[in-house]
Amino acid sequence: MTDGKAAAPARIAGAPSLLGGSVVVGIGLAIELGSLFVRTIILARLLGSREFGIAAAINTLGAVIEMISFVGLDRYLVYARDGGSRAALEAAHTLTLARGCIGFCLAVLLAWPVAALIHEGRLGPEFALLAVAPLLRGLVHLGVFQMQRAHRFRPAATAEAVAALTGLAVSAIAAWLRPNHTAILWGLIAQAAAAVLLTHLAARPVPYRFGLVAAPLRAALRFGLPLTWNGMMLAASSQLDRMVVGGWLGPAALGLYGLATTLLMQPVNLLMRFATTAWQPSLSAAWHADSHAVFAALAANLNRAAAVIGGCAACVIACLGAPAITMVFGASYVASDLFCALFAGIVALRLARGTLNLFGMAVGATADLALCNSAGLACLPLMALALALRPTLEAAVAGGLAAELFALTMTHLRLRRHYCGSGQRACRSGALSCLLLAAIAAWISALHPALPLRLAACAAGLAACGWPAVLALMPRRVDAALEEENSSFLKKRTKKLLSPLRTPG
C-alpha cells in the first residue's frame, strides 16, 4: 500500500495467479461457511425445534442488520483506482466504525419488535444483546481486503475462517452447558471479536487509523451508499421471508424453514462469496482496461459457469433435498418433495442473479445494482399472499420463487448493457436446464420414489444439465462465438447511437 496518487492499481491476474488465489479463497470460504453449517446442525440437534426457531430468529435479525448497513467498503478498496492508498483505507475505517454504531442502534431498536413477531416478546432483552456483534465488527482492520488488489487473499481468508471456527466452538460449548437460544448469541459475539483481533494481526505493519479527508470519504460513499439500499432489498428478499414464515406459521415452522434454507442455500452463498472475492479484482481491472473485449470474455465465462452450476445444484436439491434435510438435522425435521422442488428453482435463479450482481459490483454500477435488487421487495407481498391463500411452507416457497423470477428479469434488463450481451448463450442453456429440472421435480413430487431411484434421477439430471460445460473444453469455438456475439452487440449499439444523426434521404 502507498499514499495518495502513488497507489498501485489493481491488476488482472494471469492464470496461475488467479488459480492460486481461487484455491485460497475457496478453502477459506469452505471453512467459514462449513463451520456455520456445522453450528446449525449442532444447535438444531441440541436445542429442539422451538428453541432453535428462536435462535434462527436471532440469527436472521443479525443477518438483516448486516445487510441493511452494508456499504461495501472492502469491495470499494478493491474496485477504486486509488483504493490502494492510505487515505482510502483510513476513510474506509471511519465509515466502517460508523456502520458498526448504526448496526448497534438498529439491533437495539429491532430486538423487541422481532421477538414479538414470533410471539416471544418477553425475550426482547436477550435479542438486544445481539447489538454487541455489529459494534465489534465496526473495528475490523480493512487492510487485509486492500491486499486483495495484489491478489493476496490469504490474510483475509484466514481471519474470517478462524473467526467462524471460534464462533462454532463457543456456540457448541454454550449449547451443551445450557441448551437454549442464547447459544447463538454467544457464538455471534465471539465470532465478531475474533474477526477484529485476527484482522489487526494479519494486517500488520499497516497502521489502523481513521481519516476525515473529504475526497476519499465522498468517493467511498458514492460507491457504497447505493449498496446500502441494495442490502435492504436483498435482506427483504433473502432474510425477511423468514420473519414472514415465523409470524404466520410459528417458531417450529420457522425452525424447519431456516434449516432447509441453510442446507439448500449454503452452497449458493459459498459460490457467490467465492466469485466476488476471487474474481472481482480481475473483473474490475478488465473493465478499466478494456470493457468490450477482455471484460466481456470474463463475463461470458462466468455466465456459462453459472448456468451449468445452477442447473446441477437445482437438480440435486429437487431429487435429494427432502431426505437430506431429515438425515442431517434429525427425524423431527421433515420437508416435502414439493417444498424442495420449488426451492430448487429459487436456488437456480438466485445463482443467476448473483452472477449479474457480481458484474454490477465489478464495474462500479452500484446505483443500477440497488435499483435492480429493489425488485426483491416483491418477495414479501407475494409470500404473504401465498400464505393467506394456503398457510403452508410450500405456499411460502412458491411465493418466493415467483418473486425471484421477477427480480432476475429486472436485473438482467437493467445490467445487460454492462456485459455486452455475453449472457445470451448462458440464458439459453439455463432455460433448457430449467425445463429438464421441472420434469424431474414433477416426477419426484408425484411419485416420492425411494432413494436409489432418486439417486439415478439425480445422476441423469446432472449429466443433462452439465452439457454446456463441454463448451469450456473448446476454446476456439467459445472465442469465435464470443467474438461474434460481442461484434453483434457493438453493431447494434453503434447503430442506435448514430440513428439520431442520420437525415432522411
Protein backbone atom coordinates (compact mmCIF):
# COMPACT_ATOMS: atom_id res chain seq x y z
CA MET A 1 0.00 0.00 0.00
CA THR A 2 1.17 3.51 -0.78
CA ASP A 3 -0.03 7.03 -0.20
CA GLY A 4 -2.26 9.24 -2.31
CA LYS A 5 -1.66 9.21 -6.05
CA ALA A 6 1.11 6.64 -5.80
CA ALA A 7 -1.38 3.87 -5.10
CA ALA A 8 -0.83 0.88 -7.35
CA PRO A 9 -3.83 -0.05 -9.50
CA ALA A 10 -5.46 -3.44 -9.20
CA ARG A 11 -4.10 -5.81 -11.81
CA ILE A 12 -5.58 -8.52 -13.98
CA ALA A 13 -4.36 -11.87 -12.74
CA GLY A 14 -2.74 -14.39 -15.02
CA ALA A 15 -3.97 -17.96 -14.99
CA PRO A 16 -1.51 -19.27 -12.32
CA SER A 17 -2.15 -16.30 -10.02
CA LEU A 18 -5.91 -16.47 -10.49
CA LEU A 19 -5.93 -20.22 -9.86
CA GLY A 20 -3.80 -19.89 -6.73
CA GLY A 21 -5.94 -17.07 -5.37
CA SER A 22 -9.10 -19.01 -6.13
CA VAL A 23 -7.81 -22.01 -4.18
CA VAL A 24 -7.01 -19.84 -1.14
CA VAL A 25 -10.38 -18.10 -1.27
CA GLY A 26 -12.20 -21.39 -1.79
CA ILE A 27 -10.53 -23.06 1.18
CA GLY A 28 -11.18 -20.05 3.42
CA LEU A 29 -14.84 -19.81 2.47
CA ALA A 30 -15.32 -23.57 2.77
CA ILE A 31 -14.02 -23.43 6.34
CA GLU A 32 -16.04 -20.32 7.19
CA LEU A 33 -19.39 -21.43 5.76
CA GLY A 34 -18.76 -25.04 6.68
CA SER A 35 -18.34 -24.04 10.31
CA LEU A 36 -21.60 -22.08 10.15
CA PHE A 37 -23.32 -25.15 8.73
CA VAL A 38 -21.90 -27.42 11.44
CA ARG A 39 -23.01 -24.89 14.06
CA THR A 40 -26.53 -25.03 12.65
CA ILE A 41 -26.57 -28.84 12.85
CA ILE A 42 -25.29 -28.84 16.43
CA LEU A 43 -27.81 -26.25 17.59
CA ALA A 44 -30.69 -27.97 15.77
CA ARG A 45 -29.96 -31.27 17.49
CA LEU A 46 -29.22 -29.83 20.97
CA LEU A 47 -31.94 -27.20 21.22
CA GLY A 48 -35.06 -28.77 19.73
CA SER A 49 -37.44 -27.24 17.20
CA ARG A 50 -38.90 -24.43 19.36
CA GLU A 51 -35.62 -23.15 20.86
CA PHE A 52 -33.90 -23.50 17.53
CA GLY A 53 -36.67 -21.46 15.91
CA ILE A 54 -35.96 -18.65 18.38
CA ALA A 55 -32.22 -18.96 17.68
CA ALA A 56 -32.99 -18.78 13.95
CA ALA A 57 -34.91 -15.53 14.53
CA ILE A 58 -31.91 -14.06 16.37
CA ASN A 59 -29.57 -15.15 13.60
CA THR A 60 -31.92 -13.68 10.98
CA LEU A 61 -32.01 -10.36 12.83
CA GLY A 62 -28.20 -10.29 12.78
CA ALA A 63 -28.13 -11.08 9.07
CA VAL A 64 -30.70 -8.38 8.30
CA ILE A 65 -28.71 -5.76 10.22
CA GLU A 66 -25.53 -6.83 8.43
CA MET A 67 -27.20 -6.48 5.03
CA ILE A 68 -29.09 -3.22 5.53
CA SER A 69 -25.98 -1.50 6.88
CA PHE A 70 -23.74 -2.88 4.11
CA VAL A 71 -21.65 -0.20 2.38
CA GLY A 72 -19.24 -2.49 0.51
CA LEU A 73 -16.12 -0.74 1.78
CA ASP A 74 -13.98 -3.85 1.36
CA ARG A 75 -15.15 -4.07 -2.29
CA TYR A 76 -14.54 -0.33 -2.76
CA LEU A 77 -10.89 -0.74 -1.77
CA VAL A 78 -10.58 -3.40 -4.49
CA TYR A 79 -12.57 -1.59 -7.19
CA ALA A 80 -11.32 2.01 -6.98
CA ARG A 81 -8.28 3.11 -8.96
CA ASP A 82 -6.80 4.71 -5.83
CA GLY A 83 -8.18 2.07 -3.45
CA GLY A 84 -4.63 1.10 -2.51
CA SER A 85 -3.86 4.49 -0.95
CA ARG A 86 -3.59 5.09 2.78
CA ALA A 87 -6.17 7.87 2.57
CA ALA A 88 -8.72 5.46 1.09
CA LEU A 89 -8.03 2.92 3.84
CA GLU A 90 -8.40 5.49 6.61
CA ALA A 91 -11.68 6.74 5.12
CA ALA A 92 -12.94 3.16 4.92
CA HIS A 93 -12.08 2.60 8.60
CA THR A 94 -14.02 5.72 9.58
CA LEU A 95 -17.10 4.63 7.65
CA THR A 96 -16.83 1.06 8.98
CA LEU A 97 -16.88 2.32 12.55
CA ALA A 98 -19.91 4.47 11.74
CA ARG A 99 -21.56 1.40 10.26
CA GLY A 100 -20.90 -0.55 13.46
CA CYS A 101 -22.54 2.16 15.56
CA ILE A 102 -25.56 2.21 13.25
CA GLY A 103 -25.80 -1.58 13.46
CA PHE A 104 -25.71 -1.38 17.26
CA CYS A 105 -28.62 1.08 17.31
CA LEU A 106 -30.62 -0.96 14.79
CA ALA A 107 -30.21 -4.15 16.82
CA VAL A 108 -31.46 -2.45 19.97
CA LEU A 109 -34.42 -0.86 18.18
CA LEU A 110 -35.49 -4.01 16.33
CA ALA A 111 -34.98 -6.52 19.17
CA TRP A 112 -38.42 -6.18 20.77
CA PRO A 113 -40.44 -5.99 17.52
CA VAL A 114 -38.73 -9.10 16.13
CA ALA A 115 -39.27 -11.02 19.38
CA ALA A 116 -42.93 -10.00 19.38
CA LEU A 117 -43.30 -11.01 15.73
CA ILE A 118 -42.55 -14.65 16.55
CA HIS A 119 -44.78 -14.44 19.65
CA GLU A 120 -41.84 -14.29 22.11
CA GLY A 121 -41.98 -10.64 23.21
CA ARG A 122 -40.60 -11.44 26.68
CA LEU A 123 -37.24 -12.28 25.07
CA GLY A 124 -36.66 -8.74 23.81
CA PRO A 125 -33.71 -8.02 26.19
CA GLU A 126 -31.93 -11.19 25.04
CA PHE A 127 -32.46 -10.27 21.37
CA ALA A 128 -30.96 -6.84 22.16
CA LEU A 129 -27.68 -8.44 23.28
CA LEU A 130 -27.04 -9.11 19.60
CA ALA A 131 -26.13 -5.39 19.26
CA VAL A 132 -22.65 -6.14 20.60
CA ALA A 133 -21.70 -8.10 17.44
CA PRO A 134 -22.12 -5.32 14.82
CA LEU A 135 -20.43 -2.84 17.14
CA LEU A 136 -17.37 -5.07 17.34
CA ARG A 137 -17.43 -5.61 13.57
CA GLY A 138 -17.04 -1.86 13.15
CA LEU A 139 -13.45 -2.16 14.41
CA VAL A 140 -12.08 -4.64 11.86
CA HIS A 141 -8.88 -3.75 10.00
CA LEU A 142 -9.66 -3.43 6.28
CA GLY A 143 -6.00 -3.61 5.29
CA VAL A 144 -6.46 -7.36 4.76
CA PHE A 145 -9.00 -6.62 1.99
CA GLN A 146 -6.81 -3.94 0.44
CA MET A 147 -4.18 -6.64 -0.06
CA GLN A 148 -6.55 -8.40 -2.48
CA ARG A 149 -5.71 -5.76 -5.10
CA ALA A 150 -2.41 -7.59 -5.50
CA HIS A 151 -4.20 -10.99 -5.32
CA ARG A 152 -3.05 -11.60 -1.74
CA PHE A 153 -6.13 -13.40 -0.43
CA ARG A 154 -4.65 -15.43 2.42
CA PRO A 155 -4.78 -12.79 5.24
CA ALA A 156 -8.49 -12.02 4.87
CA ALA A 157 -9.44 -15.65 4.23
CA THR A 158 -7.54 -16.85 7.30
CA ALA A 159 -9.02 -14.19 9.57
CA GLU A 160 -12.61 -14.88 8.53
CA ALA A 161 -12.20 -18.68 8.63
CA VAL A 162 -10.62 -18.77 12.11
CA ALA A 163 -13.21 -16.31 13.41
CA ALA A 164 -16.01 -18.58 12.14
CA LEU A 165 -14.40 -21.60 13.82
CA THR A 166 -14.23 -19.62 17.05
CA GLY A 167 -17.94 -18.83 16.81
CA LEU A 168 -18.67 -22.52 16.18
CA ALA A 169 -16.72 -23.64 19.26
CA VAL A 170 -18.30 -21.04 21.56
CA SER A 171 -21.85 -21.80 20.33
CA ALA A 172 -21.36 -25.55 20.76
CA ILE A 173 -20.00 -25.18 24.29
CA ALA A 174 -22.77 -22.76 25.27
CA ALA A 175 -25.49 -25.07 23.85
CA TRP A 176 -24.01 -28.05 25.68
CA LEU A 177 -23.86 -26.19 29.00
CA ARG A 178 -27.26 -24.51 28.64
CA PRO A 179 -29.35 -25.83 25.72
CA ASN A 180 -31.38 -22.78 24.75
CA HIS A 181 -31.34 -19.99 22.18
CA THR A 182 -28.70 -17.87 23.97
CA ALA A 183 -26.03 -20.18 22.49
CA ILE A 184 -26.34 -18.39 19.15
CA LEU A 185 -25.76 -15.02 20.83
CA TRP A 186 -22.51 -16.13 22.44
CA GLY A 187 -21.32 -17.60 19.15
CA LEU A 188 -22.05 -14.46 17.09
CA ILE A 189 -20.36 -12.16 19.61
CA ALA A 190 -17.30 -14.42 19.87
CA GLN A 191 -17.02 -14.60 16.07
CA ALA A 192 -17.11 -10.80 15.74
CA ALA A 193 -14.49 -10.33 18.48
CA ALA A 194 -12.19 -12.92 16.88
CA ALA A 195 -12.55 -11.25 13.45
CA VAL A 196 -11.44 -7.90 14.89
CA LEU A 197 -8.40 -9.39 16.62
CA LEU A 198 -7.31 -11.53 13.66
CA THR A 199 -7.65 -8.79 11.01
CA HIS A 200 -5.50 -6.46 13.12
CA LEU A 201 -2.85 -9.17 13.47
CA ALA A 202 -2.95 -10.12 9.77
CA ALA A 203 -2.73 -6.50 8.53
CA ARG A 204 0.49 -5.66 10.37
CA PRO A 205 2.51 -3.47 9.88
CA VAL A 206 -0.18 -1.33 8.19
CA PRO A 207 -1.39 1.11 10.89
CA TYR A 208 -5.04 1.21 11.91
CA ARG A 209 -6.10 4.82 11.55
CA PHE A 210 -9.19 6.90 10.85
CA GLY A 211 -9.39 9.67 8.28
CA LEU A 212 -11.74 12.57 7.62
CA VAL A 213 -10.33 13.72 4.27
CA ALA A 214 -13.32 14.78 2.19
CA ALA A 215 -12.32 13.37 -1.23
CA PRO A 216 -11.86 9.67 -0.29
CA LEU A 217 -14.89 9.79 2.01
CA ARG A 218 -17.06 11.12 -0.81
CA ALA A 219 -15.68 8.54 -3.25
CA ALA A 220 -16.32 5.67 -0.83
CA LEU A 221 -19.86 6.87 -0.10
CA ARG A 222 -20.59 7.37 -3.80
CA PHE A 223 -19.67 3.73 -4.35
CA GLY A 224 -21.20 2.35 -1.16
CA LEU A 225 -24.44 4.20 -0.44
CA PRO A 226 -26.34 2.55 -3.31
CA LEU A 227 -25.21 -0.77 -1.83
CA THR A 228 -26.96 0.13 1.41
CA TRP A 229 -30.25 0.30 -0.43
CA ASN A 230 -29.20 -2.83 -2.31
CA GLY A 231 -28.60 -4.57 1.02
CA MET A 232 -32.06 -3.59 2.20
CA MET A 233 -33.57 -5.12 -0.90
CA LEU A 234 -31.51 -8.30 -0.54
CA ALA A 235 -32.49 -8.51 3.12
CA ALA A 236 -36.13 -8.23 2.14
CA SER A 237 -35.83 -10.99 -0.45
CA SER A 238 -33.48 -13.37 1.36
CA GLN A 239 -33.96 -12.80 5.12
CA LEU A 240 -37.26 -11.14 5.94
CA ASP A 241 -39.06 -14.04 4.31
CA ARG A 242 -38.14 -16.00 7.44
CA MET A 243 -39.86 -13.40 9.58
CA VAL A 244 -42.99 -13.73 7.43
CA VAL A 245 -42.93 -17.50 7.87
CA GLY A 246 -42.30 -17.25 11.61
CA GLY A 247 -45.01 -14.66 12.15
CA TRP A 248 -47.54 -16.68 10.11
CA LEU A 249 -46.70 -20.28 10.98
CA GLY A 250 -44.86 -20.01 14.34
CA PRO A 251 -41.35 -20.78 15.69
CA ALA A 252 -41.41 -24.50 14.84
CA ALA A 253 -42.15 -23.88 11.16
CA LEU A 254 -39.56 -21.11 11.18
CA GLY A 255 -37.01 -23.59 12.51
CA LEU A 256 -37.68 -26.04 9.66
CA TYR A 257 -37.70 -23.27 7.05
CA GLY A 258 -34.45 -21.83 8.43
CA LEU A 259 -32.76 -25.22 8.45
CA ALA A 260 -33.87 -26.02 4.92
CA THR A 261 -32.71 -22.61 3.75
CA THR A 262 -29.35 -23.09 5.43
CA LEU A 263 -28.81 -26.52 3.92
CA LEU A 264 -30.04 -25.72 0.42
CA MET A 265 -28.77 -22.15 0.03
CA GLN A 266 -25.38 -22.54 1.70
CA PRO A 267 -23.65 -23.80 -1.48
CA VAL A 268 -25.00 -20.79 -3.41
CA ASN A 269 -23.75 -18.40 -0.73
CA LEU A 270 -20.37 -20.11 -0.82
CA LEU A 271 -20.11 -19.85 -4.60
CA MET A 272 -21.16 -16.20 -4.75
CA ARG A 273 -18.82 -15.09 -1.99
CA PHE A 274 -16.04 -17.06 -3.65
CA ALA A 275 -16.71 -15.44 -7.03
CA THR A 276 -16.95 -11.94 -5.54
CA THR A 277 -13.70 -12.28 -3.63
CA ALA A 278 -11.63 -14.20 -6.19
CA TRP A 279 -12.93 -12.68 -9.44
CA GLN A 280 -13.87 -9.10 -8.68
CA PRO A 281 -10.25 -7.79 -8.70
CA SER A 282 -9.67 -9.15 -12.21
CA LEU A 283 -13.15 -8.15 -13.44
CA SER A 284 -12.72 -4.59 -12.20
CA ALA A 285 -9.24 -4.32 -13.68
CA ALA A 286 -10.51 -5.71 -17.01
CA TRP A 287 -13.38 -3.21 -17.02
CA HIS A 288 -10.97 -0.30 -16.56
CA ALA A 289 -8.60 -1.71 -19.20
CA ASP A 290 -10.98 -2.89 -21.96
CA SER A 291 -14.70 -3.14 -21.22
CA HIS A 292 -15.65 -4.59 -24.62
CA ALA A 293 -13.11 -7.37 -25.10
CA VAL A 294 -11.28 -8.59 -22.00
CA PHE A 295 -14.13 -7.88 -19.61
CA ALA A 296 -16.72 -9.36 -21.97
CA ALA A 297 -14.70 -12.57 -22.26
CA LEU A 298 -14.51 -12.96 -18.48
CA ALA A 299 -18.22 -12.19 -18.17
CA ALA A 300 -19.08 -14.83 -20.77
CA ASN A 301 -17.11 -17.49 -18.91
CA LEU A 302 -18.78 -16.66 -15.59
CA ASN A 303 -22.24 -16.62 -17.16
CA ARG A 304 -21.66 -20.02 -18.70
CA ALA A 305 -20.37 -21.44 -15.41
CA ALA A 306 -23.37 -20.02 -13.51
CA ALA A 307 -25.81 -21.66 -15.95
CA VAL A 308 -24.18 -25.07 -15.56
CA ILE A 309 -23.73 -24.92 -11.77
CA GLY A 310 -27.24 -23.56 -11.22
CA GLY A 311 -28.88 -26.35 -13.19
CA CYS A 312 -26.83 -29.05 -11.46
CA ALA A 313 -27.43 -27.65 -7.97
CA ALA A 314 -31.17 -27.38 -8.57
CA CYS A 315 -31.29 -30.96 -9.83
CA VAL A 316 -29.58 -32.25 -6.66
CA ILE A 317 -31.95 -30.29 -4.42
CA ALA A 318 -35.09 -31.44 -6.24
CA CYS A 319 -34.05 -35.10 -6.09
CA LEU A 320 -32.32 -35.39 -2.72
CA GLY A 321 -33.36 -32.33 -0.71
CA ALA A 322 -36.17 -33.88 1.34
CA PRO A 323 -34.26 -36.97 2.60
CA ALA A 324 -31.12 -34.87 3.14
CA ILE A 325 -32.89 -32.44 5.50
CA THR A 326 -34.16 -35.29 7.71
CA MET A 327 -30.86 -37.16 7.55
CA VAL A 328 -28.76 -34.12 8.51
CA PHE A 329 -30.93 -32.41 11.12
CA GLY A 330 -32.92 -35.28 12.65
CA ALA A 331 -36.27 -37.05 12.38
CA SER A 332 -38.19 -34.08 13.85
CA TYR A 333 -37.45 -32.01 10.72
CA VAL A 334 -39.40 -33.24 7.67
CA ALA A 335 -39.76 -31.29 4.40
CA SER A 336 -41.94 -32.34 1.48
CA ASP A 337 -40.71 -33.08 -2.01
CA LEU A 338 -42.80 -30.20 -3.36
CA PHE A 339 -41.09 -27.83 -0.93
CA CYS A 340 -37.66 -28.94 -2.18
CA ALA A 341 -38.70 -28.82 -5.85
CA LEU A 342 -39.85 -25.21 -5.51
CA PHE A 343 -36.74 -24.35 -3.53
CA ALA A 344 -34.59 -25.85 -6.28
CA GLY A 345 -35.97 -23.24 -8.66
CA ILE A 346 -35.12 -20.47 -6.20
CA VAL A 347 -31.54 -21.74 -5.95
CA ALA A 348 -31.04 -21.74 -9.74
CA LEU A 349 -32.49 -18.24 -10.15
CA ARG A 350 -30.61 -16.86 -7.14
CA LEU A 351 -27.30 -18.09 -8.55
CA ALA A 352 -28.02 -16.44 -11.91
CA ARG A 353 -28.97 -13.16 -10.23
CA GLY A 354 -25.90 -13.31 -8.01
CA THR A 355 -23.69 -13.55 -11.10
CA LEU A 356 -25.27 -10.40 -12.53
CA ASN A 357 -24.79 -8.67 -9.16
CA LEU A 358 -21.10 -9.54 -9.35
CA PHE A 359 -20.85 -7.83 -12.74
CA GLY A 360 -22.58 -4.73 -11.39
CA MET A 361 -20.21 -4.62 -8.41
CA ALA A 362 -17.14 -5.14 -10.63
CA VAL A 363 -17.97 -2.22 -12.94
CA GLY A 364 -18.99 0.11 -10.11
CA ALA A 365 -22.64 0.27 -11.23
CA THR A 366 -23.84 0.18 -7.65
CA ALA A 367 -26.77 2.53 -8.33
CA ASP A 368 -28.04 0.20 -11.07
CA LEU A 369 -27.46 -2.73 -8.76
CA ALA A 370 -29.55 -1.20 -5.99
CA LEU A 371 -32.35 -0.40 -8.41
CA CYS A 372 -32.33 -3.94 -9.79
CA ASN A 373 -32.48 -5.63 -6.42
CA SER A 374 -35.38 -3.42 -5.39
CA ALA A 375 -37.41 -5.95 -7.30
CA GLY A 376 -36.63 -8.35 -4.44
CA LEU A 377 -39.23 -6.49 -2.38
CA ALA A 378 -41.83 -8.46 -4.33
CA CYS A 379 -40.86 -11.46 -2.18
CA LEU A 380 -42.69 -10.26 0.92
CA PRO A 381 -46.14 -9.43 -0.53
CA LEU A 382 -46.11 -12.49 -2.80
CA MET A 383 -45.16 -14.77 0.07
CA ALA A 384 -47.76 -13.19 2.36
CA LEU A 385 -50.41 -13.59 -0.34
CA ALA A 386 -49.50 -17.24 -0.85
CA LEU A 387 -49.67 -17.87 2.90
CA ALA A 388 -53.03 -16.14 3.10
CA LEU A 389 -54.38 -18.45 0.40
CA ARG A 390 -52.78 -21.57 1.86
CA PRO A 391 -50.83 -21.35 5.17
CA THR A 392 -48.13 -23.94 4.40
CA LEU A 393 -44.38 -23.86 3.85
CA GLU A 394 -44.90 -24.95 0.24
CA ALA A 395 -47.06 -21.90 -0.43
CA ALA A 396 -44.44 -19.62 1.10
CA VAL A 397 -41.71 -21.06 -1.15
CA ALA A 398 -43.96 -20.74 -4.22
CA GLY A 399 -44.36 -17.02 -3.50
CA GLY A 400 -40.60 -16.68 -3.08
CA LEU A 401 -39.99 -18.45 -6.41
CA ALA A 402 -42.29 -16.05 -8.27
CA ALA A 403 -40.54 -13.07 -6.69
CA GLU A 404 -37.08 -14.44 -7.56
CA LEU A 405 -38.03 -14.86 -11.22
CA PHE A 406 -39.30 -11.28 -11.34
CA ALA A 407 -36.14 -9.94 -9.67
CA LEU A 408 -33.85 -11.84 -12.07
CA THR A 409 -35.70 -10.47 -15.08
CA MET A 410 -35.43 -6.89 -13.85
CA THR A 411 -31.73 -7.32 -13.02
CA HIS A 412 -30.92 -8.71 -16.47
CA LEU A 413 -32.79 -5.92 -18.27
CA ARG A 414 -31.02 -3.22 -16.28
CA LEU A 415 -27.46 -4.59 -16.29
CA ARG A 416 -27.19 -6.28 -19.68
CA ARG A 417 -25.56 -3.22 -21.28
CA HIS A 418 -22.57 -3.63 -18.94
CA TYR A 419 -21.62 -7.15 -20.01
CA CYS A 420 -22.00 -6.60 -23.74
CA GLY A 421 -24.61 -9.26 -24.41
CA SER A 422 -22.31 -12.08 -23.28
CA GLY A 423 -25.09 -13.65 -21.21
CA GLN A 424 -27.36 -14.59 -24.09
CA ARG A 425 -25.84 -18.01 -24.68
CA ALA A 426 -25.89 -18.77 -20.94
CA CYS A 427 -29.56 -17.74 -20.77
CA ARG A 428 -30.46 -20.26 -23.46
CA SER A 429 -28.53 -23.01 -21.67
CA GLY A 430 -30.18 -22.11 -18.38
CA ALA A 431 -33.66 -22.19 -19.92
CA LEU A 432 -33.11 -25.72 -21.24
CA SER A 433 -31.81 -26.82 -17.84
CA CYS A 434 -34.90 -25.35 -16.15
CA LEU A 435 -37.22 -27.36 -18.41
CA LEU A 436 -35.39 -30.56 -17.51
CA LEU A 437 -35.43 -29.62 -13.84
CA ALA A 438 -39.20 -29.04 -13.92
CA ALA A 439 -39.76 -32.52 -15.40
CA ILE A 440 -37.58 -34.22 -12.76
CA ALA A 441 -39.16 -32.22 -9.91
CA ALA A 442 -42.69 -33.09 -11.08
CA TRP A 443 -41.81 -36.80 -11.19
CA ILE A 444 -40.25 -36.72 -7.69
CA SER A 445 -43.17 -34.76 -6.20
CA ALA A 446 -45.81 -37.03 -7.75
CA LEU A 447 -44.28 -40.46 -7.04
CA HIS A 448 -41.98 -39.91 -3.99
CA PRO A 449 -39.57 -42.64 -5.20
CA ALA A 450 -37.13 -44.50 -2.98
CA LEU A 451 -33.58 -43.27 -2.50
CA PRO A 452 -31.98 -45.45 -5.25
CA LEU A 453 -34.38 -44.06 -7.86
CA ARG A 454 -33.75 -40.53 -6.59
CA LEU A 455 -30.02 -41.03 -7.00
CA ALA A 456 -30.49 -42.37 -10.53
CA ALA A 457 -32.68 -39.39 -11.49
CA CYS A 458 -30.13 -37.02 -9.96
CA ALA A 459 -27.28 -38.58 -11.95
CA ALA A 460 -29.27 -38.32 -15.19
CA GLY A 461 -30.17 -34.72 -14.46
CA LEU A 462 -26.57 -33.78 -13.68
CA ALA A 463 -25.41 -35.31 -16.95
CA ALA A 464 -28.03 -33.40 -18.93
CA CYS A 465 -27.69 -30.06 -17.10
CA GLY A 466 -23.91 -30.14 -17.37
CA TRP A 467 -23.72 -30.39 -21.15
CA PRO A 468 -22.84 -26.68 -21.63
CA ALA A 469 -19.63 -27.38 -19.69
CA VAL A 470 -18.36 -29.15 -22.81
CA LEU A 471 -18.08 -25.72 -24.43
CA ALA A 472 -15.37 -24.84 -21.95
CA LEU A 473 -13.24 -27.58 -23.50
CA MET A 474 -13.48 -25.95 -26.93
CA PRO A 475 -11.68 -22.61 -26.61
CA ARG A 476 -11.71 -21.89 -30.33
CA ARG A 477 -15.47 -22.31 -30.61
CA VAL A 478 -16.00 -20.31 -27.44
CA ASP A 479 -13.76 -17.47 -28.57
CA ALA A 480 -15.36 -17.37 -32.02
CA ALA A 481 -18.86 -17.37 -30.58
CA LEU A 482 -17.93 -14.68 -28.07
CA GLU A 483 -16.33 -12.53 -30.76
CA GLU A 484 -19.42 -12.87 -32.96
CA GLU A 485 -21.71 -12.11 -30.02
CA ASN A 486 -19.78 -9.01 -28.97
CA SER A 487 -19.50 -7.82 -32.57
CA SER A 488 -23.25 -8.10 -33.00
CA PHE A 489 -23.85 -6.25 -29.76
CA LEU A 490 -21.46 -3.44 -30.68
CA LYS A 491 -23.01 -3.07 -34.15
CA LYS A 492 -26.48 -2.73 -32.67
CA ARG A 493 -25.28 -0.24 -30.09
CA THR A 494 -23.42 1.85 -32.68
CA LYS A 495 -26.45 1.86 -34.96
CA LYS A 496 -28.63 3.03 -32.08
CA LEU A 497 -26.20 5.83 -31.17
CA LEU A 498 -25.87 7.06 -34.76
CA SER A 499 -29.53 6.87 -35.70
CA PRO A 500 -30.36 10.41 -34.42
CA LEU A 501 -27.60 11.79 -36.63
CA ARG A 502 -28.98 10.38 -39.84
CA THR A 503 -31.12 12.53 -42.11
CA PRO A 504 -33.92 11.29 -44.38
CA GLY A 505 -32.82 10.57 -47.97
